[in-house]
């Protein structure tokens, strides 16, 4: 399927986003891979004005500053990008993280 120039431009222009989620009480703050994927998809859709992309993450995100996770974004036209999710701060049960979408499709 040909890559839509507008879709490619929209996703590659998204360089960072901030997100924060509350997690349940436990000895180690953690977000499930599904929570992270859904939150990333919602933030990217809101930032770009594009439809919510399909985002999948291979594992849960541990709430430790500096921890990162590589996820996969698939736009509605089938274009695929890597997404890095990196924990920037943890305050009690709240994990904040930045989102970096790869500049080129994979």
PDB file of N, CA and C in Angstrom:
ATOM      1  N   UNK A   1       0.854  -1.171   0.000  1.00  0.00           N
ATOM      2  CA  UNK A   1       0.000   0.000   0.000  1.00  0.00           C
ATOM      3  C   UNK A   1       0.899   1.233   0.000  1.00  0.00           C
ATOM      4  N   UNK A   2       0.663   2.211  -0.860  1.00  0.00           N
ATOM      5  CA  UNK A   2       1.489   3.414  -0.885  1.00  0.00           C
ATOM      6  C   UNK A   2       1.327   4.213   0.402  1.00  0.00           C
ATOM      7  N   UNK A   3       2.416   4.840   0.795  1.00  0.00           N
ATOM      8  CA  UNK A   3       2.391   5.653   2.002  1.00  0.00           C
ATOM      9  C   UNK A   3       1.843   7.022   1.677  1.00  0.00           C
ATOM     10  N   UNK A   4       0.875   7.451   2.429  1.00  0.00           N
ATOM     11  CA  UNK A   4       0.278   8.766   2.255  1.00  0.00           C
ATOM     12  C   UNK A   4       1.266   9.823   2.724  1.00  0.00           C
ATOM     13  N   UNK A   5       1.637  10.770   1.861  1.00  0.00           N
ATOM     14  CA  UNK A   5       2.573  11.810   2.282  1.00  0.00           C
ATOM     15  C   UNK A   5       2.071  12.593   3.487  1.00  0.00           C
ATOM     16  N   UNK A   6       0.772  12.857   3.554  1.00  0.00           N
ATOM     17  CA  UNK A   6       0.264  13.618   4.695  1.00  0.00           C
ATOM     18  C   UNK A   6       0.360  12.812   5.979  1.00  0.00           C
ATOM     19  N   UNK A   7       0.105  11.515   5.914  1.00  0.00           N
ATOM     20  CA  UNK A   7       0.208  10.674   7.093  1.00  0.00           C
ATOM     21  C   UNK A   7       1.657  10.565   7.534  1.00  0.00           C
ATOM     22  N   UNK A   8       2.546  10.343   6.579  1.00  0.00           N
ATOM     23  CA  UNK A   8       3.960  10.224   6.883  1.00  0.00           C
ATOM     24  C   UNK A   8       4.468  11.512   7.522  1.00  0.00           C
ATOM     25  N   UNK A   9       4.090  12.637   6.974  1.00  0.00           N
ATOM     26  CA  UNK A   9       4.529  13.922   7.514  1.00  0.00           C
ATOM     27  C   UNK A   9       3.979  14.147   8.912  1.00  0.00           C
ATOM     28  N   UNK A  10       2.706  13.826   9.118  1.00  0.00           N
ATOM     29  CA  UNK A  10       2.091  14.053  10.424  1.00  0.00           C
ATOM     30  C   UNK A  10       2.779  13.238  11.506  1.00  0.00           C
ATOM     31  N   UNK A  11       3.022  11.964  11.253  1.00  0.00           N
ATOM     32  CA  UNK A  11       3.630  11.128  12.280  1.00  0.00           C
ATOM     33  C   UNK A  11       5.096  11.456  12.477  1.00  0.00           C
ATOM     34  N   UNK A  12       5.813  11.772  11.405  1.00  0.00           N
ATOM     35  CA  UNK A  12       7.227  12.054  11.583  1.00  0.00           C
ATOM     36  C   UNK A  12       7.459  13.403  12.242  1.00  0.00           C
ATOM     37  N   UNK A  13       6.485  14.305  12.187  1.00  0.00           N
ATOM     38  CA  UNK A  13       6.625  15.595  12.838  1.00  0.00           C
ATOM     39  C   UNK A  13       6.364  15.523  14.341  1.00  0.00           C
ATOM     40  N   UNK A  14       5.719  14.470  14.769  1.00  0.00           N
ATOM     41  CA  UNK A  14       5.468  14.323  16.199  1.00  0.00           C
ATOM     42  C   UNK A  14       6.783  13.905  16.844  1.00  0.00           C
ATOM     43  N   UNK A  15       7.370  14.813  17.600  1.00  0.00           N
ATOM     44  CA  UNK A  15       8.665  14.496  18.188  1.00  0.00           C
ATOM     45  C   UNK A  15       8.595  14.141  19.657  1.00  0.00           C
ATOM     46  N   UNK A  16       7.649  14.696  20.366  1.00  0.00           N
ATOM     47  CA  UNK A  16       7.563  14.362  21.784  1.00  0.00           C
ATOM     48  C   UNK A  16       6.192  14.727  22.322  1.00  0.00           C
ATOM     49  N   UNK A  17       5.775  13.973  23.281  1.00  0.00           N
ATOM     50  CA  UNK A  17       4.520  14.266  23.962  1.00  0.00           C
ATOM     51  C   UNK A  17       4.701  13.844  25.412  1.00  0.00           C
ATOM     52  N   UNK A  18       3.958  14.452  26.289  1.00  0.00           N
ATOM     53  CA  UNK A  18       4.041  14.073  27.692  1.00  0.00           C
ATOM     54  C   UNK A  18       2.773  13.355  28.084  1.00  0.00           C
ATOM     55  N   UNK A  19       2.919  12.383  28.930  1.00  0.00           N
ATOM     56  CA  UNK A  19       1.753  11.637  29.391  1.00  0.00           C
ATOM     57  C   UNK A  19       1.949  11.296  30.857  1.00  0.00           C
ATOM     58  N   UNK A  20       0.867  11.183  31.567  1.00  0.00           N
ATOM     59  CA  UNK A  20       0.927  10.782  32.968  1.00  0.00           C
ATOM     60  C   UNK A  20      -0.249   9.877  33.243  1.00  0.00           C
ATOM     61  N   UNK A  21      -0.008   8.791  33.911  1.00  0.00           N
ATOM     62  CA  UNK A  21      -1.070   7.866  34.275  1.00  0.00           C
ATOM     63  C   UNK A  21      -0.925   7.479  35.730  1.00  0.00           C
ATOM     64  N   UNK A  22      -2.060   7.271  36.381  1.00  0.00           N
ATOM     65  CA  UNK A  22      -2.045   6.786  37.754  1.00  0.00           C
ATOM     66  C   UNK A  22      -2.016   5.273  37.724  1.00  0.00           C
ATOM     67  N   UNK A  23      -1.257   4.696  38.629  1.00  0.00           N
ATOM     68  CA  UNK A  23      -1.192   3.251  38.715  1.00  0.00           C
ATOM     69  C   UNK A  23      -1.618   2.824  40.105  1.00  0.00           C
ATOM     70  N   UNK A  24      -1.989   1.574  40.224  1.00  0.00           N
ATOM     71  CA  UNK A  24      -2.421   1.061  41.512  1.00  0.00           C
ATOM     72  C   UNK A  24      -1.280   1.002  42.515  1.00  0.00           C
ATOM     73  N   UNK A  25      -1.623   0.836  43.762  1.00  0.00           N
ATOM     74  CA  UNK A  25      -0.622   0.768  44.814  1.00  0.00           C
ATOM     75  C   UNK A  25       0.142  -0.546  44.707  1.00  0.00           C
ATOM     76  N   UNK A  26       1.432  -0.451  44.682  1.00  0.00           N
ATOM     77  CA  UNK A  26       2.295  -1.626  44.708  1.00  0.00           C
ATOM     78  C   UNK A  26       3.685  -1.147  45.062  1.00  0.00           C
ATOM     79  N   UNK A  27       4.592  -2.072  45.297  1.00  0.00           N
ATOM     80  CA  UNK A  27       5.948  -1.680  45.672  1.00  0.00           C
ATOM     81  C   UNK A  27       6.672  -1.030  44.495  1.00  0.00           C
ATOM     82  N   UNK A  28       6.295  -1.367  43.301  1.00  0.00           N
ATOM     83  CA  UNK A  28       6.920  -0.792  42.114  1.00  0.00           C
ATOM     84  C   UNK A  28       5.830  -0.298  41.173  1.00  0.00           C
ATOM     85  N   UNK A  29       5.890   1.005  40.845  1.00  0.00           N
ATOM     86  CA  UNK A  29       4.907   1.562  39.912  1.00  0.00           C
ATOM     87  C   UNK A  29       5.115   0.918  38.545  1.00  0.00           C
ATOM     88  N   UNK A  30       4.014   0.569  37.901  1.00  0.00           N
ATOM     89  CA  UNK A  30       4.085  -0.091  36.604  1.00  0.00           C
ATOM     90  C   UNK A  30       2.809   0.192  35.832  1.00  0.00           C
ATOM     91  N   UNK A  31       2.928   0.355  34.525  1.00  0.00           N
ATOM     92  CA  UNK A  31       1.769   0.504  33.647  1.00  0.00           C
ATOM     93  C   UNK A  31       1.722  -0.696  32.721  1.00  0.00           C
ATOM     94  N   UNK A  32       0.533  -1.245  32.529  1.00  0.00           N
ATOM     95  CA  UNK A  32       0.414  -2.384  31.623  1.00  0.00           C
ATOM     96  C   UNK A  32       0.713  -1.945  30.196  1.00  0.00           C
ATOM     97  N   UNK A  33       1.151  -2.864  29.386  1.00  0.00           N
ATOM     98  CA  UNK A  33       1.473  -2.557  27.991  1.00  0.00           C
ATOM     99  C   UNK A  33       0.254  -2.017  27.258  1.00  0.00           C
ATOM    100  N   UNK A  34      -0.937  -2.478  27.599  1.00  0.00           N
ATOM    101  CA  UNK A  34      -2.160  -1.994  26.957  1.00  0.00           C
ATOM    102  C   UNK A  34      -2.488  -0.556  27.368  1.00  0.00           C
ATOM    103  N   UNK A  35      -2.267  -0.225  28.652  1.00  0.00           N
ATOM    104  CA  UNK A  35      -2.485   1.153  29.114  1.00  0.00           C
ATOM    105  C   UNK A  35      -1.537   2.120  28.415  1.00  0.00           C
ATOM    106  N   UNK A  36      -0.282   1.725  28.304  1.00  0.00           N
ATOM    107  CA  UNK A  36       0.712   2.573  27.638  1.00  0.00           C
ATOM    108  C   UNK A  36       0.331   2.758  26.174  1.00  0.00           C
ATOM    109  N   UNK A  37       0.022   1.674  25.478  1.00  0.00           N
ATOM    110  CA  UNK A  37      -0.325   1.746  24.053  1.00  0.00           C
ATOM    111  C   UNK A  37      -1.532   2.646  23.819  1.00  0.00           C
ATOM    112  N   UNK A  38      -2.570   2.500  24.637  1.00  0.00           N
ATOM    113  CA  UNK A  38      -3.777   3.305  24.482  1.00  0.00           C
ATOM    114  C   UNK A  38      -3.491   4.785  24.744  1.00  0.00           C
ATOM    115  N   UNK A  39      -2.743   5.080  25.796  1.00  0.00           N
ATOM    116  CA  UNK A  39      -2.414   6.456  26.131  1.00  0.00           C
ATOM    117  C   UNK A  39      -1.568   7.106  25.038  1.00  0.00           C
ATOM    118  N   UNK A  40      -0.575   6.391  24.535  1.00  0.00           N
ATOM    119  CA  UNK A  40       0.278   6.910  23.453  1.00  0.00           C
ATOM    120  C   UNK A  40      -0.566   7.199  22.215  1.00  0.00           C
ATOM    121  N   UNK A  41      -1.446   6.277  21.838  1.00  0.00           N
ATOM    122  CA  UNK A  41      -2.297   6.464  20.662  1.00  0.00           C
ATOM    123  C   UNK A  41      -3.186   7.690  20.812  1.00  0.00           C
ATOM    124  N   UNK A  42      -3.789   7.864  21.997  1.00  0.00           N
ATOM    125  CA  UNK A  42      -4.654   9.018  22.232  1.00  0.00           C
ATOM    126  C   UNK A  42      -3.876  10.335  22.166  1.00  0.00           C
ATOM    127  N   UNK A  43      -2.699  10.376  22.775  1.00  0.00           N
ATOM    128  CA  UNK A  43      -1.884  11.596  22.760  1.00  0.00           C
ATOM    129  C   UNK A  43      -1.452  11.949  21.339  1.00  0.00           C
ATOM    130  N   UNK A  44      -1.031  10.959  20.569  1.00  0.00           N
ATOM    131  CA  UNK A  44      -0.577  11.225  19.203  1.00  0.00           C
ATOM    132  C   UNK A  44      -1.724  11.686  18.317  1.00  0.00           C
ATOM    133  N   UNK A  45      -2.888  11.084  18.467  1.00  0.00           N
ATOM    134  CA  UNK A  45      -4.051  11.502  17.680  1.00  0.00           C
ATOM    135  C   UNK A  45      -4.420  12.945  18.007  1.00  0.00           C
ATOM    136  N   UNK A  46      -4.395  13.292  19.283  1.00  0.00           N
ATOM    137  CA  UNK A  46      -4.732  14.651  19.698  1.00  0.00           C
ATOM    138  C   UNK A  46      -3.712  15.662  19.166  1.00  0.00           C
ATOM    139  N   UNK A  47      -2.438  15.301  19.188  1.00  0.00           N
ATOM    140  CA  UNK A  47      -1.383  16.209  18.724  1.00  0.00           C
ATOM    141  C   UNK A  47      -1.412  16.431  17.218  1.00  0.00           C
ATOM    142  N   UNK A  48      -1.721  15.390  16.459  1.00  0.00           N
ATOM    143  CA  UNK A  48      -1.619  15.473  15.004  1.00  0.00           C
ATOM    144  C   UNK A  48      -2.929  15.778  14.300  1.00  0.00           C
ATOM    145  N   UNK A  49      -4.046  15.587  14.991  1.00  0.00           N
ATOM    146  CA  UNK A  49      -5.338  15.748  14.344  1.00  0.00           C
ATOM    147  C   UNK A  49      -5.655  14.588  13.405  1.00  0.00           C
ATOM    148  N   UNK A  50      -4.860  13.530  13.467  1.00  0.00           N
ATOM    149  CA  UNK A  50      -5.068  12.333  12.661  1.00  0.00           C
ATOM    150  C   UNK A  50      -5.933  11.344  13.452  1.00  0.00           C
ATOM    151  N   UNK A  51      -6.504  10.347  12.761  1.00  0.00           N
ATOM    152  CA  UNK A  51      -7.229   9.311  13.500  1.00  0.00           C
ATOM    153  C   UNK A  51      -6.293   8.592  14.472  1.00  0.00           C
ATOM    154  N   UNK A  52      -6.871   8.048  15.508  1.00  0.00           N
ATOM    155  CA  UNK A  52      -6.093   7.330  16.511  1.00  0.00           C
ATOM    156  C   UNK A  52      -5.373   6.152  15.845  1.00  0.00           C
ATOM    157  N   UNK A  53      -4.044   6.117  15.940  1.00  0.00           N
ATOM    158  CA  UNK A  53      -3.302   5.021  15.319  1.00  0.00           C
ATOM    159  C   UNK A  53      -3.367   3.762  16.172  1.00  0.00           C
ATOM    160  N   UNK A  54      -3.003   2.658  15.562  1.00  0.00           N
ATOM    161  CA  UNK A  54      -2.876   1.401  16.285  1.00  0.00           C
ATOM    162  C   UNK A  54      -1.478   1.392  16.892  1.00  0.00           C
ATOM    163  N   UNK A  55      -1.384   1.315  18.211  1.00  0.00           N
ATOM    164  CA  UNK A  55      -0.097   1.270  18.892  1.00  0.00           C
ATOM    165  C   UNK A  55      -0.050  -0.013  19.707  1.00  0.00           C
ATOM    166  N   UNK A  56       1.066  -0.730  19.603  1.00  0.00           N
ATOM    167  CA  UNK A  56       1.267  -1.930  20.405  1.00  0.00           C
ATOM    168  C   UNK A  56       2.611  -1.821  21.117  1.00  0.00           C
ATOM    169  N   UNK A  57       2.640  -2.288  22.342  1.00  0.00           N
ATOM    170  CA  UNK A  57       3.861  -2.289  23.141  1.00  0.00           C
ATOM    171  C   UNK A  57       4.124  -3.728  23.590  1.00  0.00           C
ATOM    172  N   UNK A  58       5.377  -4.148  23.591  1.00  0.00           N
ATOM    173  CA  UNK A  58       5.683  -5.552  23.877  1.00  0.00           C
ATOM    174  C   UNK A  58       5.634  -5.949  25.351  1.00  0.00           C
ATOM    175  N   UNK A  59       5.712  -4.956  26.257  1.00  0.00           N
ATOM    176  CA  UNK A  59       5.743  -5.284  27.682  1.00  0.00           C
ATOM    177  C   UNK A  59       5.260  -4.095  28.504  1.00  0.00           C
ATOM    178  N   UNK A  60       5.074  -4.329  29.793  1.00  0.00           N
ATOM    179  CA  UNK A  60       4.655  -3.267  30.701  1.00  0.00           C
ATOM    180  C   UNK A  60       5.781  -2.244  30.856  1.00  0.00           C
ATOM    181  N   UNK A  61       5.411  -1.025  31.264  1.00  0.00           N
ATOM    182  CA  UNK A  61       6.376   0.045  31.499  1.00  0.00           C
ATOM    183  C   UNK A  61       6.618   0.163  33.003  1.00  0.00           C
ATOM    184  N   UNK A  62       7.857  -0.052  33.415  1.00  0.00           N
ATOM    185  CA  UNK A  62       8.231   0.038  34.818  1.00  0.00           C
ATOM    186  C   UNK A  62       8.462   1.496  35.175  1.00  0.00           C
ATOM    187  N   UNK A  63       7.894   1.917  36.303  1.00  0.00           N
ATOM    188  CA  UNK A  63       7.980   3.306  36.739  1.00  0.00           C
ATOM    189  C   UNK A  63       9.292   3.643  37.405  1.00  0.00           C
ATOM    190  N   UNK A  64      10.342   3.665  36.613  1.00  0.00           N
ATOM    191  CA  UNK A  64      11.667   4.043  37.096  1.00  0.00           C
ATOM    192  C   UNK A  64      12.223   5.061  36.110  1.00  0.00           C
ATOM    193  N   UNK A  65      12.618   6.238  36.599  1.00  0.00           N
ATOM    194  CA  UNK A  65      13.115   7.306  35.731  1.00  0.00           C
ATOM    195  C   UNK A  65      14.234   6.769  34.836  1.00  0.00           C
ATOM    196  N   UNK A  66      14.114   7.066  33.538  1.00  0.00           N
ATOM    197  CA  UNK A  66      15.100   6.628  32.555  1.00  0.00           C
ATOM    198  C   UNK A  66      14.738   5.334  31.854  1.00  0.00           C
ATOM    199  N   UNK A  67      13.784   4.587  32.408  1.00  0.00           N
ATOM    200  CA  UNK A  67      13.353   3.344  31.772  1.00  0.00           C
ATOM    201  C   UNK A  67      12.666   3.670  30.449  1.00  0.00           C
ATOM    202  N   UNK A  68      12.981   2.900  29.409  1.00  0.00           N
ATOM    203  CA  UNK A  68      12.319   3.142  28.127  1.00  0.00           C
ATOM    204  C   UNK A  68      11.734   1.848  27.578  1.00  0.00           C
ATOM    205  N   UNK A  69      10.823   2.030  26.652  1.00  0.00           N
ATOM    206  CA  UNK A  69      10.090   0.929  26.038  1.00  0.00           C
ATOM    207  C   UNK A  69       9.910   1.267  24.571  1.00  0.00           C
ATOM    208  N   UNK A  70      10.133   0.314  23.683  1.00  0.00           N
ATOM    209  CA  UNK A  70       9.918   0.529  22.250  1.00  0.00           C
ATOM    210  C   UNK A  70       8.575  -0.064  21.855  1.00  0.00           C
ATOM    211  N   UNK A  71       7.727   0.788  21.301  1.00  0.00           N
ATOM    212  CA  UNK A  71       6.404   0.374  20.842  1.00  0.00           C
ATOM    213  C   UNK A  71       6.344   0.529  19.327  1.00  0.00           C
ATOM    214  N   UNK A  72       5.257   0.059  18.725  1.00  0.00           N
ATOM    215  CA  UNK A  72       5.070   0.128  17.283  1.00  0.00           C
ATOM    216  C   UNK A  72       3.757   0.842  16.995  1.00  0.00           C
ATOM    217  N   UNK A  73       3.816   1.862  16.143  1.00  0.00           N
ATOM    218  CA  UNK A  73       2.649   2.623  15.719  1.00  0.00           C
ATOM    219  C   UNK A  73       2.334   2.248  14.280  1.00  0.00           C
ATOM    220  N   UNK A  74       1.090   1.926  13.998  1.00  0.00           N
ATOM    221  CA  UNK A  74       0.656   1.664  12.633  1.00  0.00           C
ATOM    222  C   UNK A  74      -0.470   2.637  12.313  1.00  0.00           C
ATOM    223  N   UNK A  75      -0.214   3.522  11.332  1.00  0.00           N
ATOM    224  CA  UNK A  75      -1.201   4.517  10.922  1.00  0.00           C
ATOM    225  C   UNK A  75      -2.321   3.845  10.135  1.00  0.00           C
ATOM    226  N   UNK A  76      -3.400   4.573   9.913  1.00  0.00           N
ATOM    227  CA  UNK A  76      -4.556   4.010   9.209  1.00  0.00           C
ATOM    228  C   UNK A  76      -4.224   3.588   7.776  1.00  0.00           C
ATOM    229  N   UNK A  77      -3.174   4.181   7.178  1.00  0.00           N
ATOM    230  CA  UNK A  77      -2.790   3.789   5.815  1.00  0.00           C
ATOM    231  C   UNK A  77      -1.801   2.624   5.799  1.00  0.00           C
ATOM    232  N   UNK A  78      -1.485   2.058   6.982  1.00  0.00           N
ATOM    233  CA  UNK A  78      -0.587   0.916   7.067  1.00  0.00           C
ATOM    234  C   UNK A  78       0.868   1.285   7.308  1.00  0.00           C
ATOM    235  N   UNK A  79       1.198   2.568   7.268  1.00  0.00           N
ATOM    236  CA  UNK A  79       2.563   3.002   7.534  1.00  0.00           C
ATOM    237  C   UNK A  79       2.917   2.700   8.983  1.00  0.00           C
ATOM    238  N   UNK A  80       4.115   2.195   9.219  1.00  0.00           N
ATOM    239  CA  UNK A  80       4.528   1.784  10.548  1.00  0.00           C
ATOM    240  C   UNK A  80       5.740   2.598  11.018  1.00  0.00           C
ATOM    241  N   UNK A  81       5.718   2.995  12.299  1.00  0.00           N
ATOM    242  CA  UNK A  81       6.806   3.757  12.906  1.00  0.00           C
ATOM    243  C   UNK A  81       7.140   3.156  14.268  1.00  0.00           C
ATOM    244  N   UNK A  82       8.394   3.234  14.648  1.00  0.00           N
ATOM    245  CA  UNK A  82       8.789   2.887  16.005  1.00  0.00           C
ATOM    246  C   UNK A  82       8.493   4.067  16.914  1.00  0.00           C
ATOM    247  N   UNK A  83       8.166   3.784  18.159  1.00  0.00           N
ATOM    248  CA  UNK A  83       7.893   4.822  19.152  1.00  0.00           C
ATOM    249  C   UNK A  83       8.665   4.470  20.421  1.00  0.00           C
ATOM    250  N   UNK A  84       9.429   5.443  20.918  1.00  0.00           N
ATOM    251  CA  UNK A  84      10.131   5.251  22.177  1.00  0.00           C
ATOM    252  C   UNK A  84       9.349   5.954  23.276  1.00  0.00           C
ATOM    253  N   UNK A  85       9.056   5.220  24.328  1.00  0.00           N
ATOM    254  CA  UNK A  85       8.365   5.751  25.495  1.00  0.00           C
ATOM    255  C   UNK A  85       9.389   5.724  26.632  1.00  0.00           C
ATOM    256  N   UNK A  86       9.689   6.908  27.207  1.00  0.00           N
ATOM    257  CA  UNK A  86      10.728   6.980  28.241  1.00  0.00           C
ATOM    258  C   UNK A  86      10.191   7.663  29.487  1.00  0.00           C
ATOM    259  N   UNK A  87      10.345   7.009  30.629  1.00  0.00           N
ATOM    260  CA  UNK A  87       9.877   7.537  31.906  1.00  0.00           C
ATOM    261  C   UNK A  87      10.713   8.762  32.284  1.00  0.00           C
ATOM    262  N   UNK A  88      10.012   9.885  32.548  1.00  0.00           N
ATOM    263  CA  UNK A  88      10.691  11.134  32.919  1.00  0.00           C
ATOM    264  C   UNK A  88      10.585  11.417  34.406  1.00  0.00           C
ATOM    265  N   UNK A  89       9.514  10.948  35.057  1.00  0.00           N
ATOM    266  CA  UNK A  89       9.396  11.121  36.507  1.00  0.00           C
ATOM    267  C   UNK A  89       8.364  10.151  37.065  1.00  0.00           C
ATOM    268  N   UNK A  90       8.512   9.871  38.335  1.00  0.00           N
ATOM    269  CA  UNK A  90       7.565   9.010  39.055  1.00  0.00           C
ATOM    270  C   UNK A  90       7.282   9.711  40.384  1.00  0.00           C
ATOM    271  N   UNK A  91       5.997   9.935  40.657  1.00  0.00           N
ATOM    272  CA  UNK A  91       5.593  10.587  41.899  1.00  0.00           C
ATOM    273  C   UNK A  91       4.498   9.741  42.519  1.00  0.00           C
ATOM    274  N   UNK A  92       4.859   8.931  43.486  1.00  0.00           N
ATOM    275  CA  UNK A  92       3.896   8.021  44.084  1.00  0.00           C
ATOM    276  C   UNK A  92       3.416   7.031  43.038  1.00  0.00           C
ATOM    277  N   UNK A  93       2.110   7.070  42.748  1.00  0.00           N
ATOM    278  CA  UNK A  93       1.545   6.173  41.752  1.00  0.00           C
ATOM    279  C   UNK A  93       1.408   6.782  40.376  1.00  0.00           C
ATOM    280  N   UNK A  94       2.014   7.960  40.159  1.00  0.00           N
ATOM    281  CA  UNK A  94       1.907   8.623  38.858  1.00  0.00           C
ATOM    282  C   UNK A  94       3.216   8.493  38.092  1.00  0.00           C
ATOM    283  N   UNK A  95       3.125   7.933  36.901  1.00  0.00           N
ATOM    284  CA  UNK A  95       4.295   7.807  36.027  1.00  0.00           C
ATOM    285  C   UNK A  95       4.117   8.800  34.894  1.00  0.00           C
ATOM    286  N   UNK A  96       5.112   9.659  34.701  1.00  0.00           N
ATOM    287  CA  UNK A  96       5.102  10.590  33.568  1.00  0.00           C
ATOM    288  C   UNK A  96       6.161  10.125  32.588  1.00  0.00           C
ATOM    289  N   UNK A  97       5.826  10.246  31.287  1.00  0.00           N
ATOM    290  CA  UNK A  97       6.785   9.801  30.284  1.00  0.00           C
ATOM    291  C   UNK A  97       6.669  10.635  29.018  1.00  0.00           C
ATOM    292  N   UNK A  98       7.757  10.637  28.285  1.00  0.00           N
ATOM    293  CA  UNK A  98       7.802  11.312  26.994  1.00  0.00           C
ATOM    294  C   UNK A  98       7.651  10.288  25.887  1.00  0.00           C
ATOM    295  N   UNK A  99       7.190  10.771  24.732  1.00  0.00           N
ATOM    296  CA  UNK A  99       6.957   9.914  23.576  1.00  0.00           C
ATOM    297  C   UNK A  99       7.773  10.467  22.407  1.00  0.00           C
ATOM    298  N   UNK A 100       8.572   9.619  21.772  1.00  0.00           N
ATOM    299  CA  UNK A 100       9.375  10.020  20.619  1.00  0.00           C
ATOM    300  C   UNK A 100       9.054   9.077  19.460  1.00  0.00           C
ATOM    301  N   UNK A 101       8.476   9.626  18.393  1.00  0.00           N
ATOM    302  CA  UNK A 101       8.172   8.822  17.204  1.00  0.00           C
ATOM    303  C   UNK A 101       9.362   8.889  16.265  1.00  0.00           C
ATOM    304  N   UNK A 102       9.768   7.755  15.712  1.00  0.00           N
ATOM    305  CA  UNK A 102      10.882   7.715  14.767  1.00  0.00           C
ATOM    306  C   UNK A 102      10.593   8.655  13.584  1.00  0.00           C
ATOM    307  N   UNK A 103      11.634   9.241  13.045  1.00  0.00           N
ATOM    308  CA  UNK A 103      11.504  10.187  11.931  1.00  0.00           C
ATOM    309  C   UNK A 103      11.158   9.504  10.608  1.00  0.00           C
ATOM    310  N   UNK A 104      11.513   8.232  10.470  1.00  0.00           N
ATOM    311  CA  UNK A 104      11.231   7.532   9.214  1.00  0.00           C
ATOM    312  C   UNK A 104      10.410   6.271   9.491  1.00  0.00           C
ATOM    313  N   UNK A 105       9.620   5.918   8.516  1.00  0.00           N
ATOM    314  CA  UNK A 105       8.787   4.723   8.627  1.00  0.00           C
ATOM    315  C   UNK A 105       9.680   3.481   8.622  1.00  0.00           C
ATOM    316  N   UNK A 106       9.187   2.438   9.253  1.00  0.00           N
ATOM    317  CA  UNK A 106       9.960   1.193   9.290  1.00  0.00           C
ATOM    318  C   UNK A 106       9.238   0.093   8.550  1.00  0.00           C
TER     319      UNK A 106
END
